[in-house]
Amino acid sequence: MVKISVKWQKETFNDIEVDESKPPIIFKTQLFSLTGVAPERQKIMVKGGVLKDEDDWQKIKLKEGQKLMMMGTADAVPEAPKEAPVFLEDLPEAEQENFGMNVTGAGLQNLGNTCYMNSTVQCLYSVPELKNAILSYSSSAPTLPSSTSVGSHKFLLAAKNLWQELDRSTAPVPPFQFFSSMCEKFPQFAQQGPGGINAQQDAEECWTQFLQVLKERLTQDGTPNTDSVISKTFGIGMHTRLTTDETDETIEEDLTSLTLKCNITVDVNHLEEGIDLGLKDDREKNSAQLGRSVLFKGSSHITRLPPFLTVQLVRFFYKVDVQQKAKILRKVTFPMVLDLYDRCSDGLKKELEGPREAFKAAEEARVAKSKQFPKGEESAAEKGEGGATEQDTEMAEAEPTEHKGKQTGRYTLQAVLTHKGRSADSGHYVSWVKQPDGRWIEFDDDKLIERKEEEIQKLSGGGDWHMAYMLLYKAETA
């Protein structure tokens, strides 16, 4: 590790640390965060010419305190007037492929085995509450008590910049700054394989680490606080009761988790079966009466349902003989609508009863109205050609009132993160995200493909095709 300075235009950046064990692209992403000049537009003069992404630092032989010169502009390419006509053949090649898809967001460029990160981002980008919190995050960082907080702050700023880019771009976005900040915050993601190529990582670890940083830093107004937006949006309240056959001891635990686990065994064929298995939660604990560890049988129930529910299908386990995470290929089907009512505590079930009845009544009224007025027709009341009918009045009475907006225990599938391959640290990750208009889009890094709902249901596993690893559900409210 050497410290150098870089002169760019009229500015000089001193004491920039260069890790010579990593390829120059990492150094370029550092400069990108300082100057706003994208790596592909940087021209850095070193001994022998312009620095290339694949150059070997050992051959360049940087010296402590050496000054390098960089050329390149951070200014965006001027946009054509909004009123000017746009023709498909005039668009850049990267935009032509996705022209007219009307997709929320944009694709993400693969920086070398970063599909795990891209897929995680695309799934979480679909959560409006999370998006609003990230975009409102303050760049002033009012409290940064430690180096850990500083790293989290930089990571959140990079996330904010990436979310803004996804908001305004139609072409694939290069997530250089986000990846660089993530590697700085979590060094395990900076691991490299042969030839200096980024090593593939586990998408679940990326998802979990990202949410933990957001939980630490994000609140409703974008400032750090214990009242986390993440807990409100993704937090699952759990009550666990542990008993053992060896004594009369009982242990009660309450905790909040950001993910519901679906354990997979030879007896698990459906998501609900795996969730039930995960809620059993048997574990070894110390017995106060016996003074040794005994097996406690656990039974957990949900005490709080979040607006967005994350379910992990536990497909990977560490295989000692090959020293890597092996994959369970078993087919596990998952529903487009998931009902968690039976897995809730008695207290929560009671809270859900009213909203569930209101939701059911509203659905029945909607079905009845669709039968009375087939698609393309309107009632006389809607056209202003008469008063409300008796049936209209009954439907209005069926609409939820006091229960409006409350949880029902039902969830609709919002996004799926899949893995294709035999190991968590290899293969390929892809995300499949439901759009506001109901269409499904497959985000394969920078490639966007429209998919049908039946194609989503084929992501259940059982072969070498893409199979669900992380599921994101959105709550159905009354």
Foldseek 3Di string as FASTA:
>chain_A
DAWEWEDEDPDIRGRDDDDLVAFCLLVLLVVCVVAQFHSVFKFKAAPPGTRDRLDHVVVRDDDHHYYIYIYGDNDDDDDDDPPDDDDLVPDPPQLSQCPPVPFQFAFAADPFQCQLVRQLLVQVLLDVLLLLQLLLADLVQPDDPDPLSVLLSQLSVLNNVRSVCRRPDSGHHYSSSNQSSVCVNPVVQCDADPSNTGFHAFSVVVNVVNLVSQCQATDNNNGGDNRGSLCQAQWWWKWKWWADPVDGDIDIDIDIDREQEQEDDPPAAASVNSSQVSQQPWDWDADPVVRGTDIITMHMATADDHQKYKYFYPFWDQDVVVGATWGNQHFYFYDQKDARLVRHDPVVNVVQPVFQQLVVLLVVLVVVVCVVAPPPGDDCVVVVNDDDDPSSVSNVVSHDDPFFPHFNRMWGWAKFWWFADTGSRDGGIWMWGQGPVGWIWIRRRRDIDTDDPVVVRVQRGDDRDIHGGMTMIGTDTD
